[in-house]
């Protein structure tokens, strides 16, 4: 079954249209960017500090009354705050748009019309999932950038004794793991929204969505806070990070398979 089928392409175009036309006025967009810029600045600065062994993280602990220390303190607070706030907002938007991708077809009574065009229900599910996933890539890229800064902030002081090559290799490995975490987290969120909108599964789907998201937030947050420091001392801890990614992939596949099964059962019963 092709993932990038005509359903996913149509859903991607629709989601991009909805996102672009539902944005608030330029004043609100500008205000949001103004709040986000200090966090992005802090993320880039902490990444540069770790990459070149500059030790700028010391200013977060001991500002020493300097202007640079004050700037880093404010930027660090913005980084932590916006990372949490953006994660919540993006997760809710992701759930809402992916849920609407299925609910919209049932509300407008176009689901059965699509089935009459010889597009089966499982193909519709995969297409809606992939189209919604692609349409939100920019928001999750922004979240990835902030996560890089948060991790760099935690490990900055512990990388000063490493050589330039060791720091570079460590950062590449950490960024790959963070990118993988971000992708699988997004994929899981989207498929949960899609599954929750199925009429045949709606009675239990919302409870499942809340439970799985709650569990994964705890796992994800704990991993981002502890694994970077542990892996700095021993790369064997990367097994836990890779295991978490595989677990999320299995959860995503399981929910996607379940959604396809419920959709196919609804198609047969109708």
C-alpha atoms as a PDB file:
ATOM      1  CA  UNK A   1       0.000   0.000   0.000  1.00  0.00           C
ATOM      2  CA  UNK A   2       1.536   3.323  -1.087  1.00  0.00           C
ATOM      3  CA  UNK A   3       1.817   5.896   1.704  1.00  0.00           C
ATOM      4  CA  UNK A   4       2.140   8.913  -0.581  1.00  0.00           C
ATOM      5  CA  UNK A   5      -1.099   8.218  -2.478  1.00  0.00           C
ATOM      6  CA  UNK A   6      -3.692  10.591  -3.906  1.00  0.00           C
ATOM      7  CA  UNK A   7      -5.510  10.722  -0.551  1.00  0.00           C
ATOM      8  CA  UNK A   8      -2.397  11.877   1.303  1.00  0.00           C
ATOM      9  CA  UNK A   9      -1.635  14.494  -1.354  1.00  0.00           C
ATOM     10  CA  UNK A  10      -5.169  15.889  -1.203  1.00  0.00           C
ATOM     11  CA  UNK A  11      -5.115  15.894   2.602  1.00  0.00           C
ATOM     12  CA  UNK A  12      -1.743  17.658   2.640  1.00  0.00           C
ATOM     13  CA  UNK A  13      -3.052  20.447   0.397  1.00  0.00           C
ATOM     14  CA  UNK A  14      -6.211  20.797   2.488  1.00  0.00           C
ATOM     15  CA  UNK A  15      -4.301  20.906   5.782  1.00  0.00           C
ATOM     16  CA  UNK A  16      -1.874  23.525   4.451  1.00  0.00           C
ATOM     17  CA  UNK A  17      -4.848  25.616   3.294  1.00  0.00           C
ATOM     18  CA  UNK A  18      -6.496  25.331   6.716  1.00  0.00           C
ATOM     19  CA  UNK A  19      -3.272  26.218   8.539  1.00  0.00           C
ATOM     20  CA  UNK A  20      -2.520  29.227   6.337  1.00  0.00           C
ATOM     21  CA  UNK A  21      -6.057  30.613   6.545  1.00  0.00           C
ATOM     22  CA  UNK A  22      -6.569  29.980  10.253  1.00  0.00           C
ATOM     23  CA  UNK A  23      -3.506  31.919  11.360  1.00  0.00           C
ATOM     24  CA  UNK A  24      -4.300  35.036  13.359  1.00  0.00           C
ATOM     25  CA  UNK A  25      -3.554  38.509  12.097  1.00  0.00           C
ATOM     26  CA  UNK A  26      -0.023  39.682  11.462  1.00  0.00           C
ATOM     27  CA  UNK A  27       0.076  41.434  14.825  1.00  0.00           C
ATOM     28  CA  UNK A  28      -0.511  38.173  16.709  1.00  0.00           C
ATOM     29  CA  UNK A  29       1.937  36.281  14.492  1.00  0.00           C
ATOM     30  CA  UNK A  30       4.536  38.967  15.135  1.00  0.00           C
ATOM     31  CA  UNK A  31       3.914  38.782  18.877  1.00  0.00           C
ATOM     32  CA  UNK A  32       4.334  35.004  18.816  1.00  0.00           C
ATOM     33  CA  UNK A  33       7.603  35.307  16.901  1.00  0.00           C
ATOM     34  CA  UNK A  34       8.789  37.968  19.336  1.00  0.00           C
ATOM     35  CA  UNK A  35       8.227  35.514  22.187  1.00  0.00           C
ATOM     36  CA  UNK A  36       9.927  32.703  20.278  1.00  0.00           C
ATOM     37  CA  UNK A  37      13.036  34.581  19.119  1.00  0.00           C
ATOM     38  CA  UNK A  38      14.797  34.664  22.540  1.00  0.00           C
ATOM     39  CA  UNK A  39      14.278  30.907  22.846  1.00  0.00           C
ATOM     40  CA  UNK A  40      15.684  30.295  19.366  1.00  0.00           C
ATOM     41  CA  UNK A  41      18.615  32.578  20.190  1.00  0.00           C
ATOM     42  CA  UNK A  42      19.324  30.606  23.367  1.00  0.00           C
ATOM     43  CA  UNK A  43      19.071  27.299  21.516  1.00  0.00           C
ATOM     44  CA  UNK A  44      21.581  28.360  18.865  1.00  0.00           C
ATOM     45  CA  UNK A  45      23.952  29.864  21.435  1.00  0.00           C
ATOM     46  CA  UNK A  46      23.952  26.756  23.629  1.00  0.00           C
ATOM     47  CA  UNK A  47      24.561  24.555  20.599  1.00  0.00           C
ATOM     48  CA  UNK A  48      27.514  26.739  19.586  1.00  0.00           C
ATOM     49  CA  UNK A  49      28.816  26.661  23.165  1.00  0.00           C
ATOM     50  CA  UNK A  50      28.821  22.861  23.253  1.00  0.00           C
ATOM     51  CA  UNK A  51      30.199  22.543  19.715  1.00  0.00           C
ATOM     52  CA  UNK A  52      33.229  24.748  20.399  1.00  0.00           C
ATOM     53  CA  UNK A  53      33.600  24.077  24.137  1.00  0.00           C
ATOM     54  CA  UNK A  54      32.960  27.709  25.121  1.00  0.00           C
ATOM     55  CA  UNK A  55      31.316  26.927  28.464  1.00  0.00           C
ATOM     56  CA  UNK A  56      28.651  29.601  28.170  1.00  0.00           C
ATOM     57  CA  UNK A  57      26.415  27.496  30.386  1.00  0.00           C
ATOM     58  CA  UNK A  58      28.268  28.839  33.422  1.00  0.00           C
ATOM     59  CA  UNK A  59      26.425  32.134  32.984  1.00  0.00           C
ATOM     60  CA  UNK A  60      23.154  30.317  33.624  1.00  0.00           C
ATOM     61  CA  UNK A  61      24.359  29.346  37.101  1.00  0.00           C
ATOM     62  CA  UNK A  62      26.530  32.326  38.030  1.00  0.00           C
ATOM     63  CA  UNK A  63      25.525  35.447  36.095  1.00  0.00           C
ATOM     64  CA  UNK A  64      28.250  37.409  37.955  1.00  0.00           C
ATOM     65  CA  UNK A  65      26.342  40.631  37.351  1.00  0.00           C
ATOM     66  CA  UNK A  66      27.510  40.865  33.735  1.00  0.00           C
ATOM     67  CA  UNK A  67      25.369  41.902  30.796  1.00  0.00           C
ATOM     68  CA  UNK A  68      26.152  38.637  29.014  1.00  0.00           C
ATOM     69  CA  UNK A  69      25.116  36.682  32.087  1.00  0.00           C
ATOM     70  CA  UNK A  70      21.805  38.519  32.278  1.00  0.00           C
ATOM     71  CA  UNK A  71      21.140  37.926  28.595  1.00  0.00           C
ATOM     72  CA  UNK A  72      21.796  34.207  28.989  1.00  0.00           C
ATOM     73  CA  UNK A  73      19.566  34.007  32.053  1.00  0.00           C
ATOM     74  CA  UNK A  74      16.625  35.579  30.208  1.00  0.00           C
ATOM     75  CA  UNK A  75      17.265  33.492  27.090  1.00  0.00           C
ATOM     76  CA  UNK A  76      17.495  30.295  29.148  1.00  0.00           C
ATOM     77  CA  UNK A  77      14.153  30.967  30.842  1.00  0.00           C
ATOM     78  CA  UNK A  78      12.608  31.693  27.441  1.00  0.00           C
ATOM     79  CA  UNK A  79      14.085  28.473  26.048  1.00  0.00           C
ATOM     80  CA  UNK A  80      12.650  26.263  28.789  1.00  0.00           C
ATOM     81  CA  UNK A  81       9.285  28.046  28.829  1.00  0.00           C
ATOM     82  CA  UNK A  82       8.773  28.111  25.070  1.00  0.00           C
ATOM     83  CA  UNK A  83       9.898  24.491  24.712  1.00  0.00           C
ATOM     84  CA  UNK A  84       7.098  23.365  27.035  1.00  0.00           C
ATOM     85  CA  UNK A  85       4.525  25.833  25.694  1.00  0.00           C
ATOM     86  CA  UNK A  86       5.259  25.084  22.046  1.00  0.00           C
ATOM     87  CA  UNK A  87       5.163  21.333  22.685  1.00  0.00           C
ATOM     88  CA  UNK A  88       1.696  21.611  24.231  1.00  0.00           C
ATOM     89  CA  UNK A  89       0.369  23.908  21.494  1.00  0.00           C
ATOM     90  CA  UNK A  90       1.819  21.888  18.613  1.00  0.00           C
ATOM     91  CA  UNK A  91       0.570  18.615  20.127  1.00  0.00           C
ATOM     92  CA  UNK A  92      -2.971  19.986  20.470  1.00  0.00           C
ATOM     93  CA  UNK A  93      -2.920  21.379  16.929  1.00  0.00           C
ATOM     94  CA  UNK A  94      -1.599  18.071  15.613  1.00  0.00           C
ATOM     95  CA  UNK A  95      -4.302  16.087  17.392  1.00  0.00           C
ATOM     96  CA  UNK A  96      -6.997  18.518  16.245  1.00  0.00           C
ATOM     97  CA  UNK A  97      -6.031  18.572  12.572  1.00  0.00           C
ATOM     98  CA  UNK A  98      -5.496  14.816  12.328  1.00  0.00           C
ATOM     99  CA  UNK A  99      -8.815  14.174  14.113  1.00  0.00           C
ATOM    100  CA  UNK A 100     -10.574  16.571  11.759  1.00  0.00           C
ATOM    101  CA  UNK A 101      -9.102  14.818   8.708  1.00  0.00           C
ATOM    102  CA  UNK A 102     -11.365  11.825   9.423  1.00  0.00           C
ATOM    103  CA  UNK A 103     -14.263  13.547  11.192  1.00  0.00           C
ATOM    104  CA  UNK A 104     -14.622  16.004   8.298  1.00  0.00           C
ATOM    105  CA  UNK A 105     -15.275  13.208   5.795  1.00  0.00           C
ATOM    106  CA  UNK A 106     -17.967  11.642   7.993  1.00  0.00           C
ATOM    107  CA  UNK A 107     -19.599  14.994   8.805  1.00  0.00           C
ATOM    108  CA  UNK A 108     -19.744  16.008   5.134  1.00  0.00           C
ATOM    109  CA  UNK A 109     -20.823  12.466   4.167  1.00  0.00           C
ATOM    110  CA  UNK A 110     -17.925  12.176   1.718  1.00  0.00           C
ATOM    111  CA  UNK A 111     -16.404   9.088   3.356  1.00  0.00           C
ATOM    112  CA  UNK A 112     -18.821   6.727   1.570  1.00  0.00           C
ATOM    113  CA  UNK A 113     -18.315   8.601  -1.695  1.00  0.00           C
ATOM    114  CA  UNK A 114     -14.577   8.003  -1.448  1.00  0.00           C
ATOM    115  CA  UNK A 115     -15.225   4.313  -0.804  1.00  0.00           C
ATOM    116  CA  UNK A 116     -17.354   4.151  -3.963  1.00  0.00           C
ATOM    117  CA  UNK A 117     -14.328   5.315  -5.984  1.00  0.00           C
ATOM    118  CA  UNK A 118     -12.639   2.001  -5.117  1.00  0.00           C
ATOM    119  CA  UNK A 119     -10.431   3.531  -2.418  1.00  0.00           C
ATOM    120  CA  UNK A 120     -10.659   1.149   0.519  1.00  0.00           C
ATOM    121  CA  UNK A 121     -10.880   2.291   4.137  1.00  0.00           C
ATOM    122  CA  UNK A 122      -7.314   1.253   5.155  1.00  0.00           C
ATOM    123  CA  UNK A 123      -5.907   3.310   2.268  1.00  0.00           C
ATOM    124  CA  UNK A 124      -7.942   6.296   3.454  1.00  0.00           C
ATOM    125  CA  UNK A 125      -6.536   5.923   6.964  1.00  0.00           C
ATOM    126  CA  UNK A 126      -2.923   5.754   5.791  1.00  0.00           C
ATOM    127  CA  UNK A 127      -3.442   8.653   3.391  1.00  0.00           C
ATOM    128  CA  UNK A 128      -5.020  10.862   6.061  1.00  0.00           C
ATOM    129  CA  UNK A 129      -2.230   9.975   8.498  1.00  0.00           C
ATOM    130  CA  UNK A 130       0.595  10.698   6.069  1.00  0.00           C
ATOM    131  CA  UNK A 131      -0.977  13.880   4.693  1.00  0.00           C
ATOM    132  CA  UNK A 132      -1.526  15.304   8.187  1.00  0.00           C
ATOM    133  CA  UNK A 133       2.003  14.314   9.200  1.00  0.00           C
ATOM    134  CA  UNK A 134       3.566  16.158   6.266  1.00  0.00           C
ATOM    135  CA  UNK A 135       1.493  19.305   6.714  1.00  0.00           C
ATOM    136  CA  UNK A 136       2.792  19.937  10.251  1.00  0.00           C
ATOM    137  CA  UNK A 137       6.482  19.359   9.559  1.00  0.00           C
ATOM    138  CA  UNK A 138       7.416  23.033   9.963  1.00  0.00           C
ATOM    139  CA  UNK A 139       5.952  23.308  13.467  1.00  0.00           C
ATOM    140  CA  UNK A 140       7.731  20.167  14.621  1.00  0.00           C
ATOM    141  CA  UNK A 141      11.001  21.354  13.064  1.00  0.00           C
ATOM    142  CA  UNK A 142      10.777  24.440  15.278  1.00  0.00           C
ATOM    143  CA  UNK A 143      10.190  22.181  18.267  1.00  0.00           C
ATOM    144  CA  UNK A 144      13.252  20.117  17.313  1.00  0.00           C
ATOM    145  CA  UNK A 145      15.434  23.242  17.265  1.00  0.00           C
ATOM    146  CA  UNK A 146      14.296  24.173  20.768  1.00  0.00           C
ATOM    147  CA  UNK A 147      14.934  20.627  22.012  1.00  0.00           C
ATOM    148  CA  UNK A 148      18.499  20.777  20.725  1.00  0.00           C
ATOM    149  CA  UNK A 149      19.031  23.898  22.815  1.00  0.00           C
ATOM    150  CA  UNK A 150      17.520  22.351  25.942  1.00  0.00           C
ATOM    151  CA  UNK A 151      19.770  19.290  25.691  1.00  0.00           C
ATOM    152  CA  UNK A 152      22.811  21.457  24.955  1.00  0.00           C
ATOM    153  CA  UNK A 153      22.026  23.534  28.036  1.00  0.00           C
ATOM    154  CA  UNK A 154      22.018  20.430  30.237  1.00  0.00           C
ATOM    155  CA  UNK A 155      25.265  18.963  28.901  1.00  0.00           C
ATOM    156  CA  UNK A 156      27.281  22.152  28.297  1.00  0.00           C
ATOM    157  CA  UNK A 157      29.431  22.028  31.425  1.00  0.00           C
ATOM    158  CA  UNK A 158      30.089  18.308  31.047  1.00  0.00           C
ATOM    159  CA  UNK A 159      31.610  18.559  27.568  1.00  0.00           C
ATOM    160  CA  UNK A 160      34.421  21.015  28.336  1.00  0.00           C
ATOM    161  CA  UNK A 161      36.963  18.225  28.898  1.00  0.00           C
ATOM    162  CA  UNK A 162      36.241  16.594  25.529  1.00  0.00           C
ATOM    163  CA  UNK A 163      38.268  17.167  22.391  1.00  0.00           C
ATOM    164  CA  UNK A 164      36.748  18.989  19.430  1.00  0.00           C
ATOM    165  CA  UNK A 165      36.303  15.714  17.550  1.00  0.00           C
ATOM    166  CA  UNK A 166      34.611  14.042  20.513  1.00  0.00           C
ATOM    167  CA  UNK A 167      32.236  16.973  20.989  1.00  0.00           C
ATOM    168  CA  UNK A 168      31.369  16.967  17.295  1.00  0.00           C
ATOM    169  CA  UNK A 169      30.685  13.227  17.238  1.00  0.00           C
ATOM    170  CA  UNK A 170      28.599  13.478  20.397  1.00  0.00           C
ATOM    171  CA  UNK A 171      26.518  16.354  19.020  1.00  0.00           C
ATOM    172  CA  UNK A 172      25.889  14.544  15.737  1.00  0.00           C
ATOM    173  CA  UNK A 173      24.724  11.463  17.627  1.00  0.00           C
ATOM    174  CA  UNK A 174      22.496  13.484  19.944  1.00  0.00           C
ATOM    175  CA  UNK A 175      20.927  15.459  17.097  1.00  0.00           C
ATOM    176  CA  UNK A 176      20.149  12.252  15.216  1.00  0.00           C
ATOM    177  CA  UNK A 177      18.472  10.802  18.309  1.00  0.00           C
ATOM    178  CA  UNK A 178      16.542  14.031  18.941  1.00  0.00           C
ATOM    179  CA  UNK A 179      15.418  14.119  15.315  1.00  0.00           C
ATOM    180  CA  UNK A 180      14.266  10.503  15.570  1.00  0.00           C
ATOM    181  CA  UNK A 181      12.410  11.234  18.827  1.00  0.00           C
ATOM    182  CA  UNK A 182      10.694  14.230  17.235  1.00  0.00           C
ATOM    183  CA  UNK A 183       9.631  12.285  14.139  1.00  0.00           C
ATOM    184  CA  UNK A 184       8.231   9.278  16.003  1.00  0.00           C
ATOM    185  CA  UNK A 185       6.531  11.515  18.564  1.00  0.00           C
ATOM    186  CA  UNK A 186       4.824  13.417  15.746  1.00  0.00           C
ATOM    187  CA  UNK A 187       3.854  10.223  13.919  1.00  0.00           C
ATOM    188  CA  UNK A 188       2.327   8.788  17.089  1.00  0.00           C
ATOM    189  CA  UNK A 189       0.384  11.978  17.822  1.00  0.00           C
ATOM    190  CA  UNK A 190      -1.049  12.127  14.300  1.00  0.00           C
ATOM    191  CA  UNK A 191      -2.138   8.488  14.244  1.00  0.00           C
ATOM    192  CA  UNK A 192      -3.799   8.877  17.656  1.00  0.00           C
ATOM    193  CA  UNK A 193      -5.830  11.796  16.312  1.00  0.00           C
ATOM    194  CA  UNK A 194      -6.824   9.816  13.227  1.00  0.00           C
ATOM    195  CA  UNK A 195      -7.817   6.745  15.258  1.00  0.00           C
ATOM    196  CA  UNK A 196      -9.868   8.781  17.727  1.00  0.00           C
ATOM    197  CA  UNK A 197     -12.083  10.126  14.925  1.00  0.00           C
ATOM    198  CA  UNK A 198     -13.267   6.740  13.656  1.00  0.00           C
ATOM    199  CA  UNK A 199     -16.991   6.305  14.482  1.00  0.00           C
ATOM    200  CA  UNK A 200     -16.598   2.566  15.124  1.00  0.00           C
ATOM    201  CA  UNK A 201     -13.841   3.196  17.666  1.00  0.00           C
ATOM    202  CA  UNK A 202     -14.858   6.567  19.082  1.00  0.00           C
ATOM    203  CA  UNK A 203     -16.284   5.199  22.334  1.00  0.00           C
ATOM    204  CA  UNK A 204     -12.879   4.008  23.556  1.00  0.00           C
ATOM    205  CA  UNK A 205     -10.509   5.900  21.269  1.00  0.00           C
ATOM    206  CA  UNK A 206     -10.412   9.168  23.204  1.00  0.00           C
ATOM    207  CA  UNK A 207      -9.468   7.394  26.430  1.00  0.00           C
ATOM    208  CA  UNK A 208      -6.745   5.525  24.563  1.00  0.00           C
ATOM    209  CA  UNK A 209      -5.457   8.779  23.057  1.00  0.00           C
ATOM    210  CA  UNK A 210      -5.211  10.478  26.441  1.00  0.00           C
ATOM    211  CA  UNK A 211      -3.544   7.485  28.094  1.00  0.00           C
ATOM    212  CA  UNK A 212      -0.967   6.909  25.355  1.00  0.00           C
ATOM    213  CA  UNK A 213      -0.128  10.593  25.066  1.00  0.00           C
ATOM    214  CA  UNK A 214       0.259  10.876  28.843  1.00  0.00           C
ATOM    215  CA  UNK A 215       2.547   7.840  28.981  1.00  0.00           C
ATOM    216  CA  UNK A 216       4.615   8.987  26.036  1.00  0.00           C
ATOM    217  CA  UNK A 217       5.029  12.539  27.397  1.00  0.00           C
ATOM    218  CA  UNK A 218       6.481  11.080  30.604  1.00  0.00           C
ATOM    219  CA  UNK A 219       8.816   8.748  28.692  1.00  0.00           C
ATOM    220  CA  UNK A 220       9.845  11.448  26.236  1.00  0.00           C
ATOM    221  CA  UNK A 221      10.485  14.113  28.884  1.00  0.00           C
ATOM    222  CA  UNK A 222      12.410  11.743  31.131  1.00  0.00           C
ATOM    223  CA  UNK A 223      14.554  10.527  28.258  1.00  0.00           C
ATOM    224  CA  UNK A 224      15.399  14.044  27.080  1.00  0.00           C
ATOM    225  CA  UNK A 225      16.475  15.058  30.586  1.00  0.00           C
ATOM    226  CA  UNK A 226      18.521  12.009  31.619  1.00  0.00           C
ATOM    227  CA  UNK A 227      19.835  10.149  28.575  1.00  0.00           C
ATOM    228  CA  UNK A 228      22.079  12.945  27.187  1.00  0.00           C
ATOM    229  CA  UNK A 229      24.078  13.130  30.428  1.00  0.00           C
ATOM    230  CA  UNK A 230      24.224   9.345  30.809  1.00  0.00           C
ATOM    231  CA  UNK A 231      25.324   8.867  27.211  1.00  0.00           C
ATOM    232  CA  UNK A 232      28.035  11.464  27.702  1.00  0.00           C
ATOM    233  CA  UNK A 233      29.722   9.108  30.169  1.00  0.00           C
ATOM    234  CA  UNK A 234      28.871   5.831  28.453  1.00  0.00           C
ATOM    235  CA  UNK A 235      27.455   5.372  24.957  1.00  0.00           C
ATOM    236  CA  UNK A 236      25.935   2.060  26.043  1.00  0.00           C
ATOM    237  CA  UNK A 237      23.045   4.115  27.421  1.00  0.00           C
ATOM    238  CA  UNK A 238      22.132   4.854  23.802  1.00  0.00           C
ATOM    239  CA  UNK A 239      20.476   1.419  23.859  1.00  0.00           C
ATOM    240  CA  UNK A 240      17.725   2.935  26.024  1.00  0.00           C
ATOM    241  CA  UNK A 241      17.288   5.848  23.618  1.00  0.00           C
ATOM    242  CA  UNK A 242      17.093   3.556  20.609  1.00  0.00           C
ATOM    243  CA  UNK A 243      14.747   1.278  22.551  1.00  0.00           C
ATOM    244  CA  UNK A 244      12.442   4.218  23.243  1.00  0.00           C
ATOM    245  CA  UNK A 245      12.382   5.112  19.562  1.00  0.00           C
ATOM    246  CA  UNK A 246      11.591   1.518  18.597  1.00  0.00           C
ATOM    247  CA  UNK A 247       8.853   1.395  21.251  1.00  0.00           C
ATOM    248  CA  UNK A 248       7.248   4.527  19.827  1.00  0.00           C
ATOM    249  CA  UNK A 249       7.465   3.114  16.308  1.00  0.00           C
ATOM    250  CA  UNK A 250       5.742  -0.067  17.475  1.00  0.00           C
ATOM    251  CA  UNK A 251       3.049   1.973  19.245  1.00  0.00           C
ATOM    252  CA  UNK A 252       2.516   4.025  16.084  1.00  0.00           C
ATOM    253  CA  UNK A 253       2.298   0.911  13.920  1.00  0.00           C
ATOM    254  CA  UNK A 254      -0.071  -0.755  16.387  1.00  0.00           C
ATOM    255  CA  UNK A 255      -2.455   2.209  16.528  1.00  0.00           C
ATOM    256  CA  UNK A 256      -2.296   2.635  12.737  1.00  0.00           C
ATOM    257  CA  UNK A 257      -3.059  -1.058  12.222  1.00  0.00           C
ATOM    258  CA  UNK A 258      -5.915  -0.844  14.732  1.00  0.00           C
ATOM    259  CA  UNK A 259      -7.337   2.219  12.977  1.00  0.00           C
ATOM    260  CA  UNK A 260      -7.189   0.425   9.633  1.00  0.00           C
ATOM    261  CA  UNK A 261      -8.926  -2.602  11.147  1.00  0.00           C
ATOM    262  CA  UNK A 262     -11.726  -0.502  12.670  1.00  0.00           C
ATOM    263  CA  UNK A 263     -12.150   1.400   9.395  1.00  0.00           C
ATOM    264  CA  UNK A 264     -12.281  -1.818   7.367  1.00  0.00           C
ATOM    265  CA  UNK A 265     -14.817  -3.310   9.785  1.00  0.00           C
ATOM    266  CA  UNK A 266     -16.966  -0.201   9.459  1.00  0.00           C
ATOM    267  CA  UNK A 267     -16.722  -0.430   5.672  1.00  0.00           C
ATOM    268  CA  UNK A 268     -17.897  -4.051   5.682  1.00  0.00           C
ATOM    269  CA  UNK A 269     -20.744  -3.405   8.137  1.00  0.00           C
ATOM    270  CA  UNK A 270     -21.993  -0.481   6.100  1.00  0.00           C
END
